[in-house]
């Protein structure tokens, strides 16, 4: 864990200096336990990608042959937001703990609120293991979305989530436009 933390710190320093030139590949990286993949595939991915959002899902988008840690870091950094699908299974997953660590470190590094929590099932914060101390404090401080079992309430859930990701979409477009303008301005300056 120490080795990984040092690598993240080094990358963080480089990336915070280059943040103004960042263009995000994904609207969101999805962090979830493989035991919740049925809900993620049938509900989350189907609904969001069906609405035109690009999602990074580890089972599909990790680069084969790369270290898992490198895949996590690259995918979190390539995404405007990180969606955490919280469940009892998430709390038991060591990889989910790593993803939370990297995403939280990135959010602090770039001074941006990029963490979104979706509570798939009720999890009393007092029941979280000590290794999830960060998650416990984040759940006490941040607003999170709860997945409603009542189908009549689900449209409100989707509208809230999509609205939050549309902000990411605007930001992605604005960054691309700003970069294009900067490139054009350089060309004009060079010709003068």
Protein backbone atom coordinates (compact mmCIF):
# COMPACT_ATOMS: atom_id res chain seq x y z
CA UNK A 1 0.00 0.00 0.00
CA UNK A 2 2.91 2.37 0.77
CA UNK A 3 4.42 1.76 -2.68
CA UNK A 4 1.09 2.51 -4.32
CA UNK A 5 0.60 5.65 -2.21
CA UNK A 6 4.03 6.98 -3.27
CA UNK A 7 3.19 6.35 -6.96
CA UNK A 8 -0.13 8.14 -6.58
CA UNK A 9 1.53 11.12 -4.88
CA UNK A 10 4.08 11.40 -7.70
CA UNK A 11 1.38 11.17 -10.35
CA UNK A 12 -0.75 13.63 -8.43
CA UNK A 13 1.95 16.30 -8.53
CA UNK A 14 2.38 15.84 -12.28
CA UNK A 15 -1.35 15.76 -12.93
CA UNK A 16 -2.21 18.78 -10.78
CA UNK A 17 0.21 20.83 -12.88
CA UNK A 18 -1.35 19.56 -16.11
CA UNK A 19 -5.00 19.70 -14.94
CA UNK A 20 -5.83 22.69 -17.10
CA UNK A 21 -5.06 20.59 -20.19
CA UNK A 22 -7.07 17.55 -19.09
CA UNK A 23 -9.88 16.23 -21.23
CA UNK A 24 -11.91 13.42 -19.66
CA UNK A 25 -12.52 10.25 -21.59
CA UNK A 26 -15.44 9.13 -19.40
CA UNK A 27 -18.27 10.83 -17.59
CA UNK A 28 -17.77 8.40 -14.70
CA UNK A 29 -15.73 5.48 -13.46
CA UNK A 30 -17.95 2.93 -11.70
CA UNK A 31 -16.55 1.39 -8.52
CA UNK A 32 -18.52 -1.63 -7.36
CA UNK A 33 -18.18 -5.14 -6.01
CA UNK A 34 -18.33 -7.86 -8.66
CA UNK A 35 -21.21 -9.32 -6.64
CA UNK A 36 -23.28 -6.26 -7.55
CA UNK A 37 -22.47 -6.50 -11.26
CA UNK A 38 -25.99 -7.71 -12.07
CA UNK A 39 -27.50 -4.40 -10.90
CA UNK A 40 -24.67 -2.37 -12.43
CA UNK A 41 -25.10 -4.02 -15.85
CA UNK A 42 -28.89 -4.26 -15.97
CA UNK A 43 -29.76 -0.94 -14.34
CA UNK A 44 -26.90 1.57 -14.15
CA UNK A 45 -24.94 0.95 -17.35
CA UNK A 46 -28.04 0.29 -19.44
CA UNK A 47 -29.76 3.47 -18.27
CA UNK A 48 -26.79 5.85 -18.37
CA UNK A 49 -25.13 4.63 -21.55
CA UNK A 50 -28.56 4.45 -23.15
CA UNK A 51 -28.82 8.18 -22.43
CA UNK A 52 -25.48 8.91 -24.11
CA UNK A 53 -23.11 8.94 -21.13
CA UNK A 54 -19.75 7.20 -21.37
CA UNK A 55 -18.93 5.00 -18.39
CA UNK A 56 -15.73 3.24 -17.42
CA UNK A 57 -16.51 -0.26 -16.15
CA UNK A 58 -13.56 -2.31 -14.96
CA UNK A 59 -14.80 -5.62 -16.40
CA UNK A 60 -14.95 -4.06 -19.85
CA UNK A 61 -12.51 -1.12 -19.89
CA UNK A 62 -9.43 -2.20 -17.93
CA UNK A 63 -6.42 -2.76 -20.22
CA UNK A 64 -5.49 -6.46 -20.26
CA UNK A 65 -1.91 -7.07 -19.17
CA UNK A 66 -1.62 -3.84 -17.15
CA UNK A 67 -1.34 -3.93 -13.36
CA UNK A 68 -4.73 -3.69 -11.69
CA UNK A 69 -3.52 -0.70 -9.66
CA UNK A 70 -2.41 1.11 -12.83
CA UNK A 71 -5.77 0.37 -14.46
CA UNK A 72 -7.61 1.79 -11.43
CA UNK A 73 -5.47 4.95 -11.36
CA UNK A 74 -5.74 5.52 -15.13
CA UNK A 75 -9.49 4.99 -15.18
CA UNK A 76 -10.14 7.25 -12.18
CA UNK A 77 -7.97 9.96 -13.74
CA UNK A 78 -9.72 9.58 -17.12
CA UNK A 79 -13.14 10.10 -15.55
CA UNK A 80 -14.83 13.31 -14.48
CA UNK A 81 -16.61 11.57 -11.60
CA UNK A 82 -16.27 8.30 -9.72
CA UNK A 83 -19.54 6.57 -8.85
CA UNK A 84 -19.33 4.28 -5.84
CA UNK A 85 -22.04 1.63 -5.70
CA UNK A 86 -22.22 1.00 -1.97
CA UNK A 87 -23.47 -2.30 -0.65
CA UNK A 88 -22.46 -4.88 1.94
CA UNK A 89 -20.40 -6.52 -0.80
CA UNK A 90 -18.58 -3.24 -1.56
CA UNK A 91 -17.53 -2.98 2.08
CA UNK A 92 -16.06 -6.49 1.97
CA UNK A 93 -14.02 -5.84 -1.20
CA UNK A 94 -10.34 -4.95 -0.89
CA UNK A 95 -10.27 -3.60 -4.47
CA UNK A 96 -13.19 -1.28 -3.75
CA UNK A 97 -11.21 0.06 -0.81
CA UNK A 98 -8.28 0.81 -3.16
CA UNK A 99 -10.57 2.52 -5.66
CA UNK A 100 -12.03 4.68 -2.89
CA UNK A 101 -8.52 5.58 -1.73
CA UNK A 102 -7.36 6.66 -5.21
CA UNK A 103 -10.53 8.53 -6.07
CA UNK A 104 -10.53 10.38 -2.76
CA UNK A 105 -6.86 11.27 -3.17
CA UNK A 106 -7.58 12.59 -6.67
CA UNK A 107 -10.54 14.65 -5.45
CA UNK A 108 -8.37 16.30 -2.80
CA UNK A 109 -5.49 16.76 -5.27
CA UNK A 110 -7.52 18.55 -7.91
CA UNK A 111 -9.78 20.31 -5.38
CA UNK A 112 -12.90 19.08 -7.09
CA UNK A 113 -15.89 17.18 -5.80
CA UNK A 114 -15.63 14.14 -8.03
CA UNK A 115 -17.00 11.46 -5.70
CA UNK A 116 -20.61 10.30 -5.99
CA UNK A 117 -22.07 7.71 -3.64
CA UNK A 118 -25.02 5.52 -4.57
CA UNK A 119 -26.39 3.51 -1.69
CA UNK A 120 -27.66 0.28 -3.24
CA UNK A 121 -28.84 -1.01 0.12
CA UNK A 122 -28.88 0.40 3.65
CA UNK A 123 -25.47 0.23 5.31
CA UNK A 124 -25.30 1.59 8.86
CA UNK A 125 -22.11 3.70 9.01
CA UNK A 126 -21.28 2.17 12.38
CA UNK A 127 -21.11 -1.28 10.76
CA UNK A 128 -18.32 -0.28 8.34
CA UNK A 129 -14.95 -1.90 9.09
CA UNK A 130 -12.12 0.32 10.31
CA UNK A 131 -10.37 0.12 6.93
CA UNK A 132 -13.36 2.10 5.58
CA UNK A 133 -12.89 4.96 8.03
CA UNK A 134 -12.67 7.38 5.07
CA UNK A 135 -15.96 6.13 3.68
CA UNK A 136 -17.62 6.43 7.08
CA UNK A 137 -16.62 10.09 7.38
CA UNK A 138 -17.54 10.83 3.74
CA UNK A 139 -21.02 9.37 4.20
CA UNK A 140 -21.54 11.61 7.22
CA UNK A 141 -20.38 14.71 5.30
CA UNK A 142 -21.64 14.25 1.73
CA UNK A 143 -25.03 13.86 0.18
CA UNK A 144 -25.57 10.52 -1.51
CA UNK A 145 -28.21 8.95 -3.73
CA UNK A 146 -30.20 5.98 -2.49
CA UNK A 147 -31.47 3.37 -4.92
CA UNK A 148 -35.24 3.17 -4.32
CA UNK A 149 -36.81 -0.27 -4.47
CA UNK A 150 -40.13 1.43 -5.19
CA UNK A 151 -40.28 1.67 -9.01
CA UNK A 152 -42.33 4.88 -8.82
CA UNK A 153 -39.37 6.67 -7.16
CA UNK A 154 -36.73 5.40 -9.59
CA UNK A 155 -37.31 8.12 -12.25
CA UNK A 156 -36.31 10.75 -9.66
CA UNK A 157 -33.15 8.77 -8.88
CA UNK A 158 -32.21 8.59 -12.59
CA UNK A 159 -33.01 12.26 -13.16
CA UNK A 160 -30.76 13.28 -10.24
CA UNK A 161 -27.88 11.11 -11.39
CA UNK A 162 -28.14 12.16 -15.04
CA UNK A 163 -28.33 15.81 -14.04
CA UNK A 164 -25.09 15.48 -12.11
CA UNK A 165 -23.40 13.80 -15.08
CA UNK A 166 -24.66 16.45 -17.52
CA UNK A 167 -22.56 18.94 -15.57
CA UNK A 168 -19.63 16.67 -16.40
CA UNK A 169 -20.69 16.62 -20.05
CA UNK A 170 -20.72 20.43 -20.20
CA UNK A 171 -17.34 20.57 -18.51
CA UNK A 172 -15.91 18.03 -20.97
CA UNK A 173 -17.23 20.01 -23.93
CA UNK A 174 -15.98 23.32 -22.51
CA UNK A 175 -12.50 21.89 -21.96
CA UNK A 176 -12.40 20.57 -25.53
CA UNK A 177 -13.55 23.96 -26.86
CA UNK A 178 -10.97 25.79 -24.72
CA UNK A 179 -8.20 23.50 -25.97
CA UNK A 180 -9.31 23.99 -29.58
CA UNK A 181 -9.32 27.78 -29.11
CA UNK A 182 -5.89 27.65 -27.49
CA UNK A 183 -4.54 25.58 -30.39
CA UNK A 184 -6.08 27.98 -32.93
CA UNK A 185 -4.72 31.01 -31.08
CA UNK A 186 -1.24 29.50 -31.21
CA UNK A 187 -1.56 28.99 -34.95
CA UNK A 188 -2.74 32.56 -35.49
CA UNK A 189 0.09 33.94 -33.35
CA UNK A 190 2.62 31.86 -35.27
CA UNK A 191 1.41 33.31 -38.58
CA UNK A 192 1.66 36.93 -37.45
